[in-house]
Amino acid sequence: MINRIKEITNRVFEDLKELNEYIYHNPELGYEEHKSSKAHKELLKKYGFQVEEEYLGIKTGFKAYYEGKKPGPKIAYLSEYDALPGIGHGCGHNMLGTTSTGAGIVLKHLIDEIGGTVVVFGTPAEETSGAKVIMVEKNAFDDIDVAMLAHPAASYYKSGTSLALEPIQFTFRGKAAHAAADPEKGINALDAVIMTFNSINALREHILPTARIHGVITEGGKAANIVPELAVAQFYVRATTKAYLNELSEKVKNCAKGAALATGASLEITNYELKYDDLVTNETLSEVYNKSLEIQGIKDYDKTRDSFGSLDMGNVSHVCPAIHPYFGICEDESIPAHTKEFRDATLTDLAYKNMKITINALVNTGVQVITDKELLNRIKEEFNAF
């Protein structure tokens, strides 16, 4: 089967290469990916997919699907295509999305024979407030049997974990006054923000070393001779599990509540972006994918990247079996993501070679899930056990 998959991938690869390069040259920020989303949808339509545009009310999201002539599992590939401000596709989402859409197109060529349904979700804004969270909340994955994507990286890594994330905004409101003539008449909202930072810094001594708390002041006053009446701080709170994230977020919020009490400022607590769950890799599914790399000659695939970043794919992994592996695109494995060098690596011969291999692995994994009922049962048993 892998040789048939390779042949189909080679046959459609020029279209995929064109898609990757078009999106590279037209970088768009999250929820503004109108050109990128359209390019994906047009290619999927060309290959016979039905496409739901503005899926679930998300302007640049979509759901493309092809249902085979025989019943069977639903295999989903998730396409990302948002860019970073300033440097464009420094995270390689031009190639990530193309790889997922390519996998969907290749599997579609086999679906009538083996049965099942292939779905490609267009999932905007992974870098900021990811659409996968909205899709999970609106039950998009409830009937999906497995969900997959593969992310460009400096080298190959098998699917691992990510940090659960809560973005918390603290808005303190005090009372303005002349800072020299009448300071006693003011309530200093900036003091409350500074006390919040100091309390969180003290809290760090007593949290798990795998957790992260980091923040910025987005509003701190207008002039030094005016007591600041408004101050705003934004934090990311991250932890390895959803349960510990909830516990830690409550402690961080208490730091702000204490600062409000001490200064007399009022406090409003909000989420300024969507919360991300930790990624739970389905190891049974992951092993099938890893073997699909191995039979193509990839040996150094089994390093685990236990990322200390956060992924909206984490939310998907809590509602259906999922994997999020990485594939290498850099000759120099020291090149970090979110750089111009990494962006430009998505156009190299090495990147295209490994993109082909990755598409083949994603498709072969989908074929195995569809044709091996016992495998799907084991995947679901593992998912149901966590």
Protein backbone atom coordinates (compact mmCIF):
# COMPACT_ATOMS: atom_id res chain seq x y z
CA MET A 1 0.00 0.00 0.00
CA ILE A 2 2.80 2.43 0.80
CA ASN A 3 4.02 2.28 -2.81
CA ARG A 4 0.55 3.16 -4.10
CA ILE A 5 0.41 6.04 -1.65
CA LYS A 6 3.81 7.29 -2.82
CA GLU A 7 2.67 7.17 -6.43
CA ILE A 8 -0.44 9.23 -5.69
CA THR A 9 1.56 11.74 -3.64
CA ASN A 10 4.02 12.18 -6.50
CA ARG A 11 1.13 12.65 -8.93
CA VAL A 12 -0.44 15.54 -6.98
CA PHE A 13 2.76 17.02 -5.57
CA GLU A 14 3.16 19.92 -7.98
CA ASP A 15 -0.23 21.25 -6.88
CA LEU A 16 0.86 20.94 -3.25
CA LYS A 17 4.15 22.68 -3.89
CA GLU A 18 2.28 25.54 -5.58
CA LEU A 19 -0.07 25.82 -2.59
CA ASN A 20 2.83 25.90 -0.12
CA GLU A 21 4.65 28.63 -2.05
CA TYR A 22 1.53 30.73 -2.59
CA ILE A 23 0.79 30.81 1.13
CA TYR A 24 4.45 31.48 1.92
CA HIS A 25 4.31 34.58 -0.30
CA ASN A 26 0.94 35.71 1.10
CA PRO A 27 1.30 35.52 4.89
CA GLU A 28 -1.84 36.39 6.88
CA LEU A 29 -2.42 36.70 10.61
CA GLY A 30 -4.95 34.61 12.52
CA TYR A 31 -8.58 35.01 11.44
CA GLU A 32 -7.36 37.12 8.51
CA GLU A 33 -6.24 34.16 6.37
CA HIS A 34 -8.69 34.82 3.52
CA LYS A 35 -6.27 34.13 0.65
CA SER A 36 -4.74 31.09 2.35
CA SER A 37 -8.09 29.56 3.26
CA LYS A 38 -9.41 30.14 -0.26
CA ALA A 39 -6.34 28.48 -1.80
CA HIS A 40 -6.82 25.36 0.35
CA LYS A 41 -10.52 25.17 -0.43
CA GLU A 42 -10.02 25.59 -4.18
CA LEU A 43 -7.47 22.77 -4.27
CA LEU A 44 -9.70 20.46 -2.24
CA LYS A 45 -12.65 21.21 -4.53
CA LYS A 46 -10.47 20.45 -7.54
CA TYR A 47 -9.93 16.95 -6.12
CA GLY A 48 -13.60 16.27 -5.46
CA PHE A 49 -14.14 17.33 -1.84
CA GLN A 50 -17.36 18.87 -0.58
CA VAL A 51 -16.46 22.07 1.28
CA GLU A 52 -18.35 23.86 4.05
CA GLU A 53 -17.07 27.44 4.01
CA GLU A 54 -16.99 29.77 7.05
CA TYR A 55 -17.35 26.59 9.08
CA LEU A 56 -19.16 27.06 12.41
CA GLY A 57 -19.21 30.80 11.79
CA ILE A 58 -15.39 31.04 11.56
CA LYS A 59 -14.79 33.27 8.52
CA THR A 60 -11.49 31.67 7.49
CA GLY A 61 -12.29 28.16 8.70
CA PHE A 62 -13.62 25.31 6.60
CA LYS A 63 -14.57 21.65 6.63
CA ALA A 64 -13.84 19.63 3.50
CA TYR A 65 -14.89 16.01 3.25
CA TYR A 66 -15.21 13.06 0.92
CA GLU A 67 -17.33 10.05 1.85
CA GLY A 68 -16.37 6.74 0.31
CA LYS A 69 -18.71 4.24 -1.30
CA LYS A 70 -18.42 1.92 1.71
CA PRO A 71 -18.93 2.77 5.39
CA GLY A 72 -15.95 3.11 7.67
CA PRO A 73 -14.09 5.35 10.12
CA LYS A 74 -13.71 9.11 9.71
CA ILE A 75 -10.10 10.24 9.39
CA ALA A 76 -9.41 13.95 9.95
CA TYR A 77 -6.39 16.00 8.95
CA LEU A 78 -6.08 19.50 10.36
CA SER A 79 -4.67 22.33 8.25
CA GLU A 80 -3.16 25.47 9.78
CA TYR A 81 -2.19 28.50 7.69
CA ASP A 82 -1.81 31.55 9.94
CA ALA A 83 1.42 33.55 9.96
CA LEU A 84 3.36 35.55 12.53
CA PRO A 85 3.53 39.35 12.59
CA GLY A 86 6.67 40.74 11.03
CA ILE A 87 8.29 37.52 9.79
CA GLY A 88 5.46 35.77 7.98
CA HIS A 89 5.45 31.97 8.14
CA GLY A 90 8.20 31.65 10.74
CA CYS A 91 6.36 28.69 12.26
CA GLY A 92 5.99 26.93 8.92
CA HIS A 93 2.20 26.85 8.82
CA ASN A 94 2.30 27.27 5.05
CA MET A 95 3.87 23.81 4.91
CA LEU A 96 1.89 22.35 7.82
CA GLY A 97 -1.43 23.19 6.18
CA THR A 98 -0.25 21.98 2.80
CA THR A 99 0.87 18.67 4.33
CA SER A 100 -2.53 18.08 5.96
CA THR A 101 -4.49 19.09 2.86
CA GLY A 102 -2.14 16.93 0.79
CA ALA A 103 -2.73 13.95 3.05
CA GLY A 104 -6.48 14.42 2.69
CA ILE A 105 -6.23 14.56 -1.10
CA VAL A 106 -4.06 11.44 -1.31
CA LEU A 107 -6.28 9.43 1.05
CA LYS A 108 -9.32 10.52 -0.93
CA HIS A 109 -7.95 8.61 -3.92
CA LEU A 110 -8.20 5.39 -1.87
CA ILE A 111 -11.41 5.95 0.08
CA ASP A 112 -13.83 4.45 -2.44
CA GLU A 113 -11.82 1.23 -2.35
CA ILE A 114 -11.21 0.89 1.39
CA GLY A 115 -14.27 2.71 2.76
CA GLY A 116 -14.65 5.44 5.33
CA THR A 117 -14.59 9.22 5.12
CA VAL A 118 -11.70 11.66 4.90
CA VAL A 119 -12.11 15.13 6.42
CA VAL A 120 -9.81 18.14 6.16
CA PHE A 121 -10.48 20.90 8.67
CA GLY A 122 -9.16 24.38 8.00
CA THR A 123 -8.22 25.64 11.45
CA PRO A 124 -7.23 29.33 11.66
CA ALA A 125 -5.23 31.28 14.23
CA GLU A 126 -3.20 28.59 15.99
CA GLU A 127 -0.63 31.22 16.97
CA THR A 128 -3.10 33.29 18.99
CA SER A 129 -6.63 32.22 19.83
CA GLY A 130 -6.93 28.94 17.99
CA ALA A 131 -10.05 27.98 16.07
CA LYS A 132 -9.67 24.33 17.08
CA VAL A 133 -10.88 25.34 20.54
CA ILE A 134 -14.07 26.77 19.06
CA MET A 135 -14.51 23.71 16.87
CA VAL A 136 -14.15 21.41 19.87
CA GLU A 137 -16.68 23.45 21.85
CA LYS A 138 -19.11 23.23 18.93
CA ASN A 139 -18.72 19.44 18.64
CA ALA A 140 -16.89 19.35 15.30
CA PHE A 141 -14.85 16.30 16.33
CA ASP A 142 -17.56 14.27 18.05
CA ASP A 143 -17.89 11.87 15.10
CA ILE A 144 -14.20 11.84 14.14
CA ASP A 145 -12.38 8.56 14.80
CA VAL A 146 -8.82 9.95 14.68
CA ALA A 147 -7.33 13.41 14.09
CA MET A 148 -3.82 14.08 12.82
CA LEU A 149 -1.42 16.78 11.74
CA ALA A 150 2.36 17.00 11.42
CA HIS A 151 4.29 20.18 12.15
CA PRO A 152 7.50 21.32 10.43
CA ALA A 153 10.49 21.44 12.79
CA ALA A 154 14.27 21.39 12.73
CA SER A 155 14.21 17.57 12.79
CA TYR A 156 11.82 14.64 13.23
CA TYR A 157 10.06 14.14 16.58
CA LYS A 158 7.30 11.74 17.48
CA SER A 159 4.09 13.10 18.96
CA GLY A 160 4.55 14.06 22.61
CA THR A 161 2.91 16.55 24.93
CA SER A 162 2.25 20.27 25.23
CA LEU A 163 1.36 22.62 28.05
CA ALA A 164 -2.19 23.50 28.95
CA LEU A 165 -2.62 27.27 28.78
CA GLU A 166 -4.89 29.89 30.32
CA PRO A 167 -4.52 33.50 29.13
CA ILE A 168 -5.59 35.75 32.03
CA GLN A 169 -6.11 39.51 31.93
CA PHE A 170 -6.26 41.60 35.11
CA THR A 171 -7.88 45.01 34.72
CA PHE A 172 -7.45 47.25 37.77
CA ARG A 173 -9.41 50.48 38.13
CA GLY A 174 -8.44 53.08 40.70
CA LYS A 175 -8.94 56.83 40.98
CA ALA A 176 -6.96 59.57 39.27
CA ALA A 177 -5.42 62.42 41.25
CA HIS A 178 -2.53 64.85 41.07
CA ALA A 179 0.43 62.68 42.04
CA ALA A 180 2.22 65.56 43.83
CA ALA A 181 -0.50 67.94 45.08
CA ASP A 182 -3.22 65.45 46.09
CA PRO A 183 -1.83 61.89 46.08
CA GLU A 184 -4.00 60.95 49.05
CA LYS A 185 -7.09 61.41 46.89
CA GLY A 186 -5.97 58.80 44.36
CA ILE A 187 -6.09 55.04 44.11
CA ASN A 188 -3.12 53.76 42.13
CA ALA A 189 -4.13 51.01 39.72
CA LEU A 190 -0.52 50.59 38.59
CA ASP A 191 0.51 49.78 42.15
CA ALA A 192 -1.99 46.92 42.05
CA VAL A 193 -0.41 45.57 38.85
CA ILE A 194 3.09 45.82 40.32
CA MET A 195 1.97 44.07 43.50
CA THR A 196 0.43 41.33 41.34
CA PHE A 197 3.74 40.77 39.59
CA ASN A 198 5.60 40.70 42.91
CA SER A 199 3.14 38.21 44.40
CA ILE A 200 3.40 35.96 41.35
CA ASN A 201 7.18 36.12 41.53
CA ALA A 202 6.94 34.90 45.13
CA LEU A 203 4.50 32.19 44.06
CA ARG A 204 7.00 30.80 41.54
CA GLU A 205 9.06 29.32 44.38
CA HIS A 206 6.16 27.01 45.17
CA ILE A 207 4.99 25.72 41.78
CA LEU A 208 6.01 22.66 39.79
CA PRO A 209 9.18 23.28 37.76
CA THR A 210 7.34 22.29 34.56
CA ALA A 211 4.81 25.11 34.96
CA ARG A 212 5.19 28.58 33.47
CA ILE A 213 3.80 32.00 34.40
CA HIS A 214 4.77 35.00 32.29
CA GLY A 215 3.12 38.35 31.70
CA VAL A 216 3.26 41.94 30.47
CA ILE A 217 1.76 45.30 31.44
CA THR A 218 -0.36 46.56 28.55
CA GLU A 219 -1.67 49.68 30.32
CA GLY A 220 0.10 51.43 33.17
CA GLY A 221 -0.89 55.09 33.18
CA LYS A 222 -0.49 58.15 30.98
CA ALA A 223 1.78 60.58 32.84
CA ALA A 224 4.06 60.47 35.86
CA ASN A 225 2.20 63.30 37.61
CA ILE A 226 -1.19 61.58 37.40
CA VAL A 227 -2.08 58.70 39.71
CA PRO A 228 -2.91 55.89 37.24
CA GLU A 229 -6.62 55.14 37.34
CA LEU A 230 -6.39 52.21 34.91
CA ALA A 231 -3.77 49.48 34.67
CA VAL A 232 -3.93 46.20 32.78
CA ALA A 233 -1.71 43.12 32.89
CA GLN A 234 -1.90 40.00 30.75
CA PHE A 235 -0.45 36.63 31.76
CA TYR A 236 -0.04 33.21 30.27
CA VAL A 237 -0.32 30.46 32.87
CA ARG A 238 0.87 27.05 31.63
CA ALA A 239 1.01 23.57 33.14
CA THR A 240 1.52 19.99 31.99
CA THR A 241 -2.03 18.95 32.84
CA LYS A 242 -5.42 20.59 32.68
CA ALA A 243 -6.04 19.78 36.36
CA TYR A 244 -2.86 21.46 37.59
CA LEU A 245 -3.47 24.43 35.29
CA ASN A 246 -6.81 25.04 36.97
CA GLU A 247 -5.18 24.88 40.41
CA LEU A 248 -2.33 27.19 39.43
CA SER A 249 -4.58 29.70 37.65
CA GLU A 250 -6.61 30.06 40.82
CA LYS A 251 -3.46 30.90 42.79
CA VAL A 252 -2.43 33.48 40.19
CA LYS A 253 -5.88 35.06 40.35
CA ASN A 254 -5.60 35.22 44.12
CA CYS A 255 -2.38 37.23 43.73
CA ALA A 256 -4.33 39.84 41.81
CA LYS A 257 -7.23 39.76 44.25
CA GLY A 258 -4.82 40.42 47.12
CA ALA A 259 -3.30 43.35 45.24
CA ALA A 260 -6.74 44.84 44.66
CA LEU A 261 -7.58 44.51 48.33
CA ALA A 262 -4.28 46.09 49.40
CA THR A 263 -4.56 49.11 47.08
CA GLY A 264 -8.30 49.66 47.07
CA ALA A 265 -8.52 49.26 43.31
CA SER A 266 -11.34 47.31 41.70
CA LEU A 267 -10.43 44.20 39.71
CA GLU A 268 -11.89 42.55 36.64
CA ILE A 269 -10.54 39.12 35.61
CA THR A 270 -11.07 37.92 32.04
CA ASN A 271 -9.58 35.55 29.46
CA TYR A 272 -8.15 37.62 26.62
CA GLU A 273 -7.62 34.56 24.42
CA LEU A 274 -8.97 31.00 24.40
CA LYS A 275 -7.70 28.36 26.82
CA TYR A 276 -5.62 25.48 25.41
CA ASP A 277 -5.68 21.98 26.89
CA ASP A 278 -2.55 19.84 27.17
CA LEU A 279 -1.85 17.52 24.25
CA VAL A 280 -2.57 13.86 25.04
CA THR A 281 -0.91 11.76 22.37
CA ASN A 282 -2.67 8.52 21.52
CA GLU A 283 0.35 6.22 21.66
CA THR A 284 -1.31 3.41 19.72
CA LEU A 285 -2.05 5.76 16.83
CA SER A 286 1.38 7.34 17.15
CA GLU A 287 3.12 3.97 16.81
CA VAL A 288 1.32 3.31 13.51
CA TYR A 289 2.48 6.68 12.21
CA ASN A 290 6.04 6.08 13.40
CA LYS A 291 6.21 2.73 11.63
CA SER A 292 4.91 4.46 8.50
CA LEU A 293 7.97 6.70 8.66
CA GLU A 294 10.31 3.78 9.33
CA ILE A 295 9.23 1.81 6.28
CA GLN A 296 10.17 4.87 4.20
CA GLY A 297 13.69 4.89 5.60
CA ILE A 298 13.33 7.45 8.39
CA LYS A 299 15.27 6.12 11.38
CA ASP A 300 15.70 9.14 13.62
CA TYR A 301 11.99 9.72 14.25
CA ASP A 302 11.56 8.55 17.82
CA LYS A 303 12.78 11.57 19.79
CA THR A 304 9.92 13.03 21.80
CA ARG A 305 9.47 16.78 21.73
CA ASP A 306 7.79 17.47 25.05
CA SER A 307 7.16 21.05 24.04
CA PHE A 308 6.96 23.76 26.63
CA GLY A 309 4.69 25.66 24.31
CA SER A 310 0.95 25.26 23.98
CA LEU A 311 -1.17 23.94 21.11
CA ASP A 312 -4.87 24.14 20.33
CA MET A 313 -4.47 20.58 19.05
CA GLY A 314 -4.44 19.77 22.76
CA ASN A 315 -8.16 20.51 22.95
CA VAL A 316 -8.80 18.14 20.05
CA SER A 317 -6.84 15.38 21.80
CA HIS A 318 -9.28 15.52 24.73
CA VAL A 319 -12.30 14.71 22.54
CA CYS A 320 -10.88 12.20 20.03
CA PRO A 321 -7.68 10.17 19.54
CA ALA A 322 -5.01 12.48 18.11
CA ILE A 323 -1.34 12.84 17.25
CA HIS A 324 0.85 15.89 16.58
CA PRO A 325 4.29 14.72 15.36
CA TYR A 326 7.01 16.88 13.76
CA PHE A 327 9.05 16.50 10.58
CA GLY A 328 12.44 17.99 9.81
CA ILE A 329 12.90 20.74 7.23
CA CYS A 330 16.28 22.22 8.24
CA GLU A 331 19.78 21.20 7.18
CA ASP A 332 20.95 23.01 10.33
CA GLU A 333 18.99 21.48 13.19
CA SER A 334 19.89 24.38 15.48
CA ILE A 335 17.59 26.76 13.59
CA PRO A 336 14.69 27.68 15.90
CA ALA A 337 11.10 28.19 14.82
CA HIS A 338 9.62 31.68 14.66
CA THR A 339 12.60 32.96 12.70
CA LYS A 340 13.16 34.08 9.11
CA GLU A 341 15.60 31.23 8.64
CA PHE A 342 12.97 28.67 9.60
CA ARG A 343 10.41 30.40 7.37
CA ASP A 344 12.71 30.17 4.38
CA ALA A 345 13.50 26.52 5.08
CA THR A 346 9.92 25.67 4.03
CA LEU A 347 10.93 26.25 0.40
CA THR A 348 13.99 23.98 0.36
CA ASP A 349 14.48 20.64 -1.38
CA LEU A 350 14.91 18.96 2.02
CA ALA A 351 11.60 20.34 3.23
CA TYR A 352 9.79 19.09 0.14
CA LYS A 353 11.43 15.67 0.40
CA ASN A 354 10.32 15.28 4.02
CA MET A 355 6.89 16.74 3.32
CA LYS A 356 6.33 13.92 0.83
CA ILE A 357 7.45 11.34 3.38
CA THR A 358 5.18 12.87 6.01
CA ILE A 359 2.15 12.93 3.73
CA ASN A 360 2.76 9.27 2.91
CA ALA A 361 2.97 8.44 6.63
CA LEU A 362 -0.21 10.34 7.48
CA VAL A 363 -2.08 8.62 4.67
CA ASN A 364 -0.76 5.16 5.47
CA THR A 365 -1.80 5.68 9.08
CA GLY A 366 -5.29 6.60 7.93
CA VAL A 367 -5.46 3.52 5.72
CA GLN A 368 -4.42 1.26 8.61
CA VAL A 369 -7.06 2.75 10.90
CA ILE A 370 -9.77 2.26 8.27
CA THR A 371 -8.84 -1.30 7.29
CA ASP A 372 -7.89 -2.75 10.70
CA LYS A 373 -10.88 -2.81 13.05
CA GLU A 374 -8.82 -4.27 15.89
CA LEU A 375 -6.36 -1.39 15.61
CA LEU A 376 -9.16 1.17 15.81
CA ASN A 377 -10.57 -0.64 18.86
CA ARG A 378 -7.18 -0.42 20.60
CA ILE A 379 -6.86 3.26 19.72
CA LYS A 380 -10.26 3.96 21.22
CA GLU A 381 -9.62 1.82 24.29
CA GLU A 382 -6.50 3.88 25.03
CA PHE A 383 -8.38 7.13 24.45
CA ASN A 384 -11.24 6.10 26.74
CA ALA A 385 -8.82 5.09 29.48
CA PHE A 386 -7.22 8.51 30.04
